[in-house]
Amino acid sequence: MQAGVVEANLVRLNEAAKSPYLDDLIQRKVAGVETERLNEADLSFHRGEYDRLREKLQQAHEASELPEAPRGNAALHDLLVRLRLSAKGG
């Protein structure tokens, strides 16, 4: 949200976030051991981090100036109609 860009790659996201535990989780996923059970201490830590990050995301959402829904539908419709009409006439 901060950069106004959608980034789904966790490795790239972690370059900015610098969360040391993410590298470990990514390596577990890559190695195929992500289905192994976490010990109680790890589970408790990750639950806490989940809650912390959800709260941070909620705060970013509330501070965002982005509209709740796209507002360009009418303009997009108009553009498509004009393009289709020009293709038929040309």
PDB file of N, CA and C in Angstrom:
ATOM      1  N   MET A   1       0.812  -1.189   0.000  1.00  0.00           N
ATOM      2  CA  MET A   1       0.000   0.000   0.000  1.00  0.00           C
ATOM      3  C   MET A   1       0.859   1.258   0.000  1.00  0.00           C
ATOM      4  N   GLN A   2       1.981   1.172   0.626  1.00  0.00           N
ATOM      5  CA  GLN A   2       2.827   2.354   0.745  1.00  0.00           C
ATOM      6  C   GLN A   2       3.364   2.809  -0.598  1.00  0.00           C
ATOM      7  N   ALA A   3       3.706   1.873  -1.463  1.00  0.00           N
ATOM      8  CA  ALA A   3       4.287   2.220  -2.754  1.00  0.00           C
ATOM      9  C   ALA A   3       3.237   2.337  -3.846  1.00  0.00           C
ATOM     10  N   GLY A   4       2.021   1.900  -3.573  1.00  0.00           N
ATOM     11  CA  GLY A   4       0.981   1.944  -4.586  1.00  0.00           C
ATOM     12  C   GLY A   4       1.162   0.871  -5.648  1.00  0.00           C
ATOM     13  N   VAL A   5       1.879  -0.188  -5.310  1.00  0.00           N
ATOM     14  CA  VAL A   5       2.172  -1.265  -6.247  1.00  0.00           C
ATOM     15  C   VAL A   5       1.800  -2.587  -5.597  1.00  0.00           C
ATOM     16  N   VAL A   6       1.204  -3.483  -6.367  1.00  0.00           N
ATOM     17  CA  VAL A   6       0.896  -4.812  -5.857  1.00  0.00           C
ATOM     18  C   VAL A   6       2.131  -5.678  -6.048  1.00  0.00           C
ATOM     19  N   GLU A   7       2.632  -6.237  -4.954  1.00  0.00           N
ATOM     20  CA  GLU A   7       3.796  -7.116  -5.000  1.00  0.00           C
ATOM     21  C   GLU A   7       3.445  -8.392  -4.254  1.00  0.00           C
ATOM     22  N   ALA A   8       3.409  -9.513  -4.966  1.00  0.00           N
ATOM     23  CA  ALA A   8       3.033 -10.777  -4.352  1.00  0.00           C
ATOM     24  C   ALA A   8       4.239 -11.654  -4.032  1.00  0.00           C
ATOM     25  N   ASN A   9       5.408 -11.268  -4.460  1.00  0.00           N
ATOM     26  CA  ASN A   9       6.610 -12.059  -4.239  1.00  0.00           C
ATOM     27  C   ASN A   9       7.138 -11.799  -2.821  1.00  0.00           C
ATOM     28  N   LEU A  10       7.070 -12.813  -1.971  1.00  0.00           N
ATOM     29  CA  LEU A  10       7.471 -12.637  -0.572  1.00  0.00           C
ATOM     30  C   LEU A  10       8.950 -12.313  -0.411  1.00  0.00           C
ATOM     31  N   VAL A  11       9.788 -12.833  -1.285  1.00  0.00           N
ATOM     32  CA  VAL A  11      11.219 -12.540  -1.194  1.00  0.00           C
ATOM     33  C   VAL A  11      11.435 -11.044  -1.418  1.00  0.00           C
ATOM     34  N   ARG A  12      10.786 -10.489  -2.446  1.00  0.00           N
ATOM     35  CA  ARG A  12      10.917  -9.049  -2.718  1.00  0.00           C
ATOM     36  C   ARG A  12      10.287  -8.217  -1.598  1.00  0.00           C
ATOM     37  N   LEU A  13       9.133  -8.641  -1.110  1.00  0.00           N
ATOM     38  CA  LEU A  13       8.491  -7.908  -0.021  1.00  0.00           C
ATOM     39  C   LEU A  13       9.379  -7.876   1.217  1.00  0.00           C
ATOM     40  N   ASN A  14      10.051  -8.976   1.468  1.00  0.00           N
ATOM     41  CA  ASN A  14      10.892  -9.036   2.658  1.00  0.00           C
ATOM     42  C   ASN A  14      12.163  -8.206   2.519  1.00  0.00           C
ATOM     43  N   GLU A  15      12.528  -7.825   1.304  1.00  0.00           N
ATOM     44  CA  GLU A  15      13.668  -6.926   1.140  1.00  0.00           C
ATOM     45  C   GLU A  15      13.386  -5.602   1.844  1.00  0.00           C
ATOM     46  N   ALA A  16      12.133  -5.160   1.811  1.00  0.00           N
ATOM     47  CA  ALA A  16      11.749  -3.914   2.494  1.00  0.00           C
ATOM     48  C   ALA A  16      11.383  -4.179   3.953  1.00  0.00           C
ATOM     49  N   ALA A  17      10.675  -5.277   4.214  1.00  0.00           N
ATOM     50  CA  ALA A  17      10.193  -5.561   5.570  1.00  0.00           C
ATOM     51  C   ALA A  17      11.318  -6.004   6.495  1.00  0.00           C
ATOM     52  N   LYS A  18      12.296  -6.706   5.940  1.00  0.00           N
ATOM     53  CA  LYS A  18      13.440  -7.211   6.709  1.00  0.00           C
ATOM     54  C   LYS A  18      13.021  -8.040   7.929  1.00  0.00           C
ATOM     55  N   SER A  19      12.082  -8.943   7.725  1.00  0.00           N
ATOM     56  CA  SER A  19      11.648  -9.847   8.788  1.00  0.00           C
ATOM     57  C   SER A  19      12.498 -11.104   8.729  1.00  0.00           C
ATOM     58  N   PRO A  20      13.372 -11.310   9.699  1.00  0.00           N
ATOM     59  CA  PRO A  20      14.316 -12.428   9.631  1.00  0.00           C
ATOM     60  C   PRO A  20      13.644 -13.795   9.585  1.00  0.00           C
ATOM     61  N   TYR A  21      12.482 -13.942  10.198  1.00  0.00           N
ATOM     62  CA  TYR A  21      11.822 -15.236  10.217  1.00  0.00           C
ATOM     63  C   TYR A  21      11.189 -15.590   8.871  1.00  0.00           C
ATOM     64  N   LEU A  22      10.927 -14.616   8.016  1.00  0.00           N
ATOM     65  CA  LEU A  22      10.315 -14.911   6.720  1.00  0.00           C
ATOM     66  C   LEU A  22      11.233 -15.746   5.842  1.00  0.00           C
ATOM     67  N   ASP A  23      12.526 -15.450   5.881  1.00  0.00           N
ATOM     68  CA  ASP A  23      13.470 -16.244   5.089  1.00  0.00           C
ATOM     69  C   ASP A  23      13.399 -17.713   5.485  1.00  0.00           C
ATOM     70  N   ASP A  24      13.297 -17.987   6.783  1.00  0.00           N
ATOM     71  CA  ASP A  24      13.184 -19.364   7.268  1.00  0.00           C
ATOM     72  C   ASP A  24      11.897 -20.017   6.765  1.00  0.00           C
ATOM     73  N   LEU A  25      10.782 -19.299   6.846  1.00  0.00           N
ATOM     74  CA  LEU A  25       9.501 -19.840   6.376  1.00  0.00           C
ATOM     75  C   LEU A  25       9.525 -20.099   4.870  1.00  0.00           C
ATOM     76  N   ILE A  26      10.145 -19.205   4.126  1.00  0.00           N
ATOM     77  CA  ILE A  26      10.247 -19.382   2.668  1.00  0.00           C
ATOM     78  C   ILE A  26      11.089 -20.613   2.363  1.00  0.00           C
ATOM     79  N   GLN A  27      12.192 -20.789   3.088  1.00  0.00           N
ATOM     80  CA  GLN A  27      13.043 -21.966   2.876  1.00  0.00           C
ATOM     81  C   GLN A  27      12.301 -23.258   3.214  1.00  0.00           C
ATOM     82  N   ARG A  28      11.479 -23.231   4.264  1.00  0.00           N
ATOM     83  CA  ARG A  28      10.665 -24.411   4.602  1.00  0.00           C
ATOM     84  C   ARG A  28       9.725 -24.750   3.450  1.00  0.00           C
ATOM     85  N   LYS A  29       9.114 -23.740   2.877  1.00  0.00           N
ATOM     86  CA  LYS A  29       8.183 -23.947   1.763  1.00  0.00           C
ATOM     87  C   LYS A  29       8.925 -24.514   0.552  1.00  0.00           C
ATOM     88  N   VAL A  30      10.055 -23.930   0.218  1.00  0.00           N
ATOM     89  CA  VAL A  30      10.843 -24.377  -0.933  1.00  0.00           C
ATOM     90  C   VAL A  30      11.318 -25.814  -0.742  1.00  0.00           C
ATOM     91  N   ALA A  31      11.698 -26.150   0.483  1.00  0.00           N
ATOM     92  CA  ALA A  31      12.208 -27.492   0.771  1.00  0.00           C
ATOM     93  C   ALA A  31      11.092 -28.527   0.869  1.00  0.00           C
ATOM     94  N   GLY A  32       9.835 -28.062   0.891  1.00  0.00           N
ATOM     95  CA  GLY A  32       8.720 -29.000   0.948  1.00  0.00           C
ATOM     96  C   GLY A  32       8.389 -29.495   2.337  1.00  0.00           C
ATOM     97  N   VAL A  33       8.913 -28.842   3.366  1.00  0.00           N
ATOM     98  CA  VAL A  33       8.643 -29.286   4.734  1.00  0.00           C
ATOM     99  C   VAL A  33       7.641 -28.372   5.437  1.00  0.00           C
ATOM    100  N   GLU A  34       6.891 -27.597   4.649  1.00  0.00           N
ATOM    101  CA  GLU A  34       5.949 -26.651   5.252  1.00  0.00           C
ATOM    102  C   GLU A  34       4.792 -27.325   5.971  1.00  0.00           C
ATOM    103  N   THR A  35       4.597 -28.624   5.707  1.00  0.00           N
ATOM    104  CA  THR A  35       3.504 -29.327   6.372  1.00  0.00           C
ATOM    105  C   THR A  35       3.907 -29.890   7.734  1.00  0.00           C
ATOM    106  N   GLU A  36       5.194 -29.809   8.070  1.00  0.00           N
ATOM    107  CA  GLU A  36       5.632 -30.260   9.388  1.00  0.00           C
ATOM    108  C   GLU A  36       5.038 -29.350  10.458  1.00  0.00           C
ATOM    109  N   ARG A  37       4.768 -29.917  11.590  1.00  0.00           N
ATOM    110  CA  ARG A  37       4.170 -29.149  12.690  1.00  0.00           C
ATOM    111  C   ARG A  37       5.208 -28.236  13.329  1.00  0.00           C
ATOM    112  N   LEU A  38       4.780 -27.028  13.647  1.00  0.00           N
ATOM    113  CA  LEU A  38       5.630 -26.108  14.390  1.00  0.00           C
ATOM    114  C   LEU A  38       5.539 -26.449  15.873  1.00  0.00           C
ATOM    115  N   ASN A  39       6.638 -26.201  16.588  1.00  0.00           N
ATOM    116  CA  ASN A  39       6.544 -26.408  18.034  1.00  0.00           C
ATOM    117  C   ASN A  39       5.706 -25.278  18.634  1.00  0.00           C
ATOM    118  N   GLU A  40       5.286 -25.432  19.860  1.00  0.00           N
ATOM    119  CA  GLU A  40       4.357 -24.481  20.490  1.00  0.00           C
ATOM    120  C   GLU A  40       4.929 -23.066  20.551  1.00  0.00           C
ATOM    121  N   ALA A  41       6.227 -22.945  20.811  1.00  0.00           N
ATOM    122  CA  ALA A  41       6.854 -21.614  20.884  1.00  0.00           C
ATOM    123  C   ALA A  41       6.811 -20.932  19.521  1.00  0.00           C
ATOM    124  N   ASP A  42       7.134 -21.681  18.461  1.00  0.00           N
ATOM    125  CA  ASP A  42       7.086 -21.111  17.118  1.00  0.00           C
ATOM    126  C   ASP A  42       5.655 -20.746  16.737  1.00  0.00           C
ATOM    127  N   LEU A  43       4.730 -21.612  17.057  1.00  0.00           N
ATOM    128  CA  LEU A  43       3.325 -21.365  16.740  1.00  0.00           C
ATOM    129  C   LEU A  43       2.829 -20.107  17.446  1.00  0.00           C
ATOM    130  N   SER A  44       3.170 -19.957  18.693  1.00  0.00           N
ATOM    131  CA  SER A  44       2.780 -18.779  19.462  1.00  0.00           C
ATOM    132  C   SER A  44       3.394 -17.513  18.858  1.00  0.00           C
ATOM    133  N   PHE A  45       4.658 -17.587  18.483  1.00  0.00           N
ATOM    134  CA  PHE A  45       5.328 -16.444  17.859  1.00  0.00           C
ATOM    135  C   PHE A  45       4.627 -16.042  16.571  1.00  0.00           C
ATOM    136  N   HIS A  46       4.347 -17.021  15.718  1.00  0.00           N
ATOM    137  CA  HIS A  46       3.753 -16.715  14.412  1.00  0.00           C
ATOM    138  C   HIS A  46       2.314 -16.218  14.549  1.00  0.00           C
ATOM    139  N   ARG A  47       1.587 -16.708  15.539  1.00  0.00           N
ATOM    140  CA  ARG A  47       0.240 -16.163  15.797  1.00  0.00           C
ATOM    141  C   ARG A  47       0.331 -14.691  16.192  1.00  0.00           C
ATOM    142  N   GLY A  48       1.277 -14.377  17.038  1.00  0.00           N
ATOM    143  CA  GLY A  48       1.486 -12.986  17.449  1.00  0.00           C
ATOM    144  C   GLY A  48       1.881 -12.097  16.282  1.00  0.00           C
ATOM    145  N   GLU A  49       2.761 -12.603  15.435  1.00  0.00           N
ATOM    146  CA  GLU A  49       3.174 -11.841  14.251  1.00  0.00           C
ATOM    147  C   GLU A  49       2.014 -11.653  13.282  1.00  0.00           C
ATOM    148  N   TYR A  50       1.203 -12.683  13.129  1.00  0.00           N
ATOM    149  CA  TYR A  50       0.017 -12.580  12.277  1.00  0.00           C
ATOM    150  C   TYR A  50      -0.892 -11.450  12.771  1.00  0.00           C
ATOM    151  N   ASP A  51      -1.158 -11.444  14.075  1.00  0.00           N
ATOM    152  CA  ASP A  51      -2.016 -10.399  14.650  1.00  0.00           C
ATOM    153  C   ASP A  51      -1.391  -9.018  14.479  1.00  0.00           C
ATOM    154  N   ARG A  52      -0.088  -8.914  14.705  1.00  0.00           N
ATOM    155  CA  ARG A  52       0.608  -7.633  14.577  1.00  0.00           C
ATOM    156  C   ARG A  52       0.546  -7.125  13.141  1.00  0.00           C
ATOM    157  N   LEU A  53       0.805  -8.016  12.200  1.00  0.00           N
ATOM    158  CA  LEU A  53       0.811  -7.612  10.785  1.00  0.00           C
ATOM    159  C   LEU A  53      -0.588  -7.288  10.285  1.00  0.00           C
ATOM    160  N   ARG A  54      -1.605  -8.018  10.764  1.00  0.00           N
ATOM    161  CA  ARG A  54      -2.996  -7.686  10.399  1.00  0.00           C
ATOM    162  C   ARG A  54      -3.352  -6.291  10.881  1.00  0.00           C
ATOM    163  N   GLU A  55      -2.937  -5.957  12.086  1.00  0.00           N
ATOM    164  CA  GLU A  55      -3.208  -4.626  12.636  1.00  0.00           C
ATOM    165  C   GLU A  55      -2.478  -3.549  11.828  1.00  0.00           C
ATOM    166  N   LYS A  56      -1.250  -3.828  11.460  1.00  0.00           N
ATOM    167  CA  LYS A  56      -0.478  -2.884  10.644  1.00  0.00           C
ATOM    168  C   LYS A  56      -1.142  -2.687   9.282  1.00  0.00           C
ATOM    169  N   LEU A  57      -1.626  -3.754   8.693  1.00  0.00           N
ATOM    170  CA  LEU A  57      -2.324  -3.674   7.413  1.00  0.00           C
ATOM    171  C   LEU A  57      -3.621  -2.881   7.555  1.00  0.00           C
ATOM    172  N   GLN A  58      -4.347  -3.094   8.646  1.00  0.00           N
ATOM    173  CA  GLN A  58      -5.580  -2.342   8.886  1.00  0.00           C
ATOM    174  C   GLN A  58      -5.288  -0.856   9.031  1.00  0.00           C
ATOM    175  N   GLN A  59      -4.233  -0.509   9.727  1.00  0.00           N
ATOM    176  CA  GLN A  59      -3.857   0.896   9.888  1.00  0.00           C
ATOM    177  C   GLN A  59      -3.486   1.516   8.543  1.00  0.00           C
ATOM    178  N   ALA A  60      -2.766   0.756   7.713  1.00  0.00           N
ATOM    179  CA  ALA A  60      -2.401   1.262   6.382  1.00  0.00           C
ATOM    180  C   ALA A  60      -3.649   1.458   5.529  1.00  0.00           C
ATOM    181  N   HIS A  61      -4.590   0.549   5.634  1.00  0.00           N
ATOM    182  CA  HIS A  61      -5.852   0.669   4.901  1.00  0.00           C
ATOM    183  C   HIS A  61      -6.595   1.930   5.323  1.00  0.00           C
ATOM    184  N   GLU A  62      -6.673   2.161   6.615  1.00  0.00           N
ATOM    185  CA  GLU A  62      -7.388   3.330   7.125  1.00  0.00           C
ATOM    186  C   GLU A  62      -6.698   4.633   6.742  1.00  0.00           C
ATOM    187  N   ALA A  63      -5.380   4.626   6.603  1.00  0.00           N
ATOM    188  CA  ALA A  63      -4.632   5.826   6.234  1.00  0.00           C
ATOM    189  C   ALA A  63      -4.596   6.042   4.721  1.00  0.00           C
ATOM    190  N   SER A  64      -4.969   5.026   3.966  1.00  0.00           N
ATOM    191  CA  SER A  64      -4.899   5.098   2.509  1.00  0.00           C
ATOM    192  C   SER A  64      -5.923   6.083   1.947  1.00  0.00           C
ATOM    193  N   GLU A  65      -5.530   6.764   0.900  1.00  0.00           N
ATOM    194  CA  GLU A  65      -6.439   7.672   0.211  1.00  0.00           C
ATOM    195  C   GLU A  65      -7.068   7.018  -1.013  1.00  0.00           C
ATOM    196  N   LEU A  66      -6.793   5.741  -1.205  1.00  0.00           N
ATOM    197  CA  LEU A  66      -7.383   5.028  -2.332  1.00  0.00           C
ATOM    198  C   LEU A  66      -8.883   4.859  -2.111  1.00  0.00           C
ATOM    199  N   PRO A  67      -9.673   4.930  -3.191  1.00  0.00           N
ATOM    200  CA  PRO A  67     -11.118   4.729  -3.040  1.00  0.00           C
ATOM    201  C   PRO A  67     -11.414   3.275  -2.692  1.00  0.00           C
ATOM    202  N   GLU A  68     -12.545   3.047  -2.053  1.00  0.00           N
ATOM    203  CA  GLU A  68     -12.955   1.692  -1.685  1.00  0.00           C
ATOM    204  C   GLU A  68     -13.250   0.851  -2.918  1.00  0.00           C
ATOM    205  N   ALA A  69     -13.739   1.486  -3.966  1.00  0.00           N
ATOM    206  CA  ALA A  69     -14.097   0.771  -5.197  1.00  0.00           C
ATOM    207  C   ALA A  69     -13.579   1.575  -6.387  1.00  0.00           C
ATOM    208  N   PRO A  70     -13.318   0.903  -7.488  1.00  0.00           N
ATOM    209  CA  PRO A  70     -12.868   1.628  -8.685  1.00  0.00           C
ATOM    210  C   PRO A  70     -13.922   2.638  -9.129  1.00  0.00           C
ATOM    211  N   ARG A  71     -13.444   3.763  -9.668  1.00  0.00           N
ATOM    212  CA  ARG A  71     -14.368   4.806 -10.094  1.00  0.00           C
ATOM    213  C   ARG A  71     -14.323   5.042 -11.597  1.00  0.00           C
ATOM    214  N   GLY A  72     -13.594   4.250 -12.325  1.00  0.00           N
ATOM    215  CA  GLY A  72     -13.418   4.503 -13.743  1.00  0.00           C
ATOM    216  C   GLY A  72     -14.329   3.691 -14.648  1.00  0.00           C
ATOM    217  N   ASN A  73     -15.354   3.047 -14.105  1.00  0.00           N
ATOM    218  CA  ASN A  73     -16.201   2.176 -14.920  1.00  0.00           C
ATOM    219  C   ASN A  73     -16.848   2.907 -16.085  1.00  0.00           C
ATOM    220  N   ALA A  74     -17.412   4.084 -15.856  1.00  0.00           N
ATOM    221  CA  ALA A  74     -18.092   4.826 -16.928  1.00  0.00           C
ATOM    222  C   ALA A  74     -17.099   5.231 -18.005  1.00  0.00           C
ATOM    223  N   ALA A  75     -15.934   5.699 -17.617  1.00  0.00           N
ATOM    224  CA  ALA A  75     -14.921   6.106 -18.596  1.00  0.00           C
ATOM    225  C   ALA A  75     -14.425   4.899 -19.391  1.00  0.00           C
ATOM    226  N   LEU A  76     -14.244   3.777 -18.736  1.00  0.00           N
ATOM    227  CA  LEU A  76     -13.811   2.564 -19.426  1.00  0.00           C
ATOM    228  C   LEU A  76     -14.877   2.103 -20.410  1.00  0.00           C
ATOM    229  N   HIS A  77     -16.123   2.114 -19.999  1.00  0.00           N
ATOM    230  CA  HIS A  77     -17.220   1.738 -20.884  1.00  0.00           C
ATOM    231  C   HIS A  77     -17.244   2.643 -22.111  1.00  0.00           C
ATOM    232  N   ASP A  78     -17.124   3.944 -21.898  1.00  0.00           N
ATOM    233  CA  ASP A  78     -17.111   4.905 -23.002  1.00  0.00           C
ATOM    234  C   ASP A  78     -15.958   4.619 -23.964  1.00  0.00           C
ATOM    235  N   LEU A  79     -14.790   4.358 -23.447  1.00  0.00           N
ATOM    236  CA  LEU A  79     -13.637   4.050 -24.285  1.00  0.00           C
ATOM    237  C   LEU A  79     -13.878   2.804 -25.123  1.00  0.00           C
ATOM    238  N   LEU A  80     -14.383   1.753 -24.502  1.00  0.00           N
ATOM    239  CA  LEU A  80     -14.636   0.512 -25.229  1.00  0.00           C
ATOM    240  C   LEU A  80     -15.681   0.704 -26.334  1.00  0.00           C
ATOM    241  N   VAL A  81     -16.744   1.458 -26.046  1.00  0.00           N
ATOM    242  CA  VAL A  81     -17.768   1.722 -27.059  1.00  0.00           C
ATOM    243  C   VAL A  81     -17.150   2.477 -28.221  1.00  0.00           C
ATOM    244  N   ARG A  82     -16.361   3.513 -27.933  1.00  0.00           N
ATOM    245  CA  ARG A  82     -15.733   4.293 -29.009  1.00  0.00           C
ATOM    246  C   ARG A  82     -14.777   3.432 -29.835  1.00  0.00           C
ATOM    247  N   LEU A  83     -14.009   2.574 -29.190  1.00  0.00           N
ATOM    248  CA  LEU A  83     -13.081   1.704 -29.915  1.00  0.00           C
ATOM    249  C   LEU A  83     -13.836   0.728 -30.823  1.00  0.00           C
ATOM    250  N   ARG A  84     -14.890   0.154 -30.298  1.00  0.00           N
ATOM    251  CA  ARG A  84     -15.666  -0.799 -31.099  1.00  0.00           C
ATOM    252  C   ARG A  84     -16.354  -0.113 -32.275  1.00  0.00           C
ATOM    253  N   LEU A  85     -16.879   1.083 -32.026  1.00  0.00           N
ATOM    254  CA  LEU A  85     -17.540   1.805 -33.114  1.00  0.00           C
ATOM    255  C   LEU A  85     -16.533   2.231 -34.176  1.00  0.00           C
ATOM    256  N   SER A  86     -15.349   2.645 -33.754  1.00  0.00           N
ATOM    257  CA  SER A  86     -14.342   3.052 -34.734  1.00  0.00           C
ATOM    258  C   SER A  86     -13.818   1.846 -35.520  1.00  0.00           C
ATOM    259  N   ALA A  87     -13.776   0.672 -34.902  1.00  0.00           N
ATOM    260  CA  ALA A  87     -13.326  -0.536 -35.603  1.00  0.00           C
ATOM    261  C   ALA A  87     -14.345  -0.955 -36.663  1.00  0.00           C
ATOM    262  N   LYS A  88     -15.623  -0.769 -36.376  1.00  0.00           N
ATOM    263  CA  LYS A  88     -16.672  -1.136 -37.336  1.00  0.00           C
ATOM    264  C   LYS A  88     -16.689  -0.176 -38.504  1.00  0.00           C
ATOM    265  N   GLY A  89     -16.413   1.092 -38.233  1.00  0.00           N
ATOM    266  CA  GLY A  89     -16.476   2.106 -39.285  1.00  0.00           C
ATOM    267  C   GLY A  89     -15.213   2.217 -40.089  1.00  0.00           C
ATOM    268  N   GLY A  90     -14.134   1.641 -39.628  1.00  0.00           N
ATOM    269  CA  GLY A  90     -12.852   1.849 -40.288  1.00  0.00           C
ATOM    270  C   GLY A  90     -12.422   0.690 -41.023  1.00  0.00           C
TER     271      GLY A  90
END
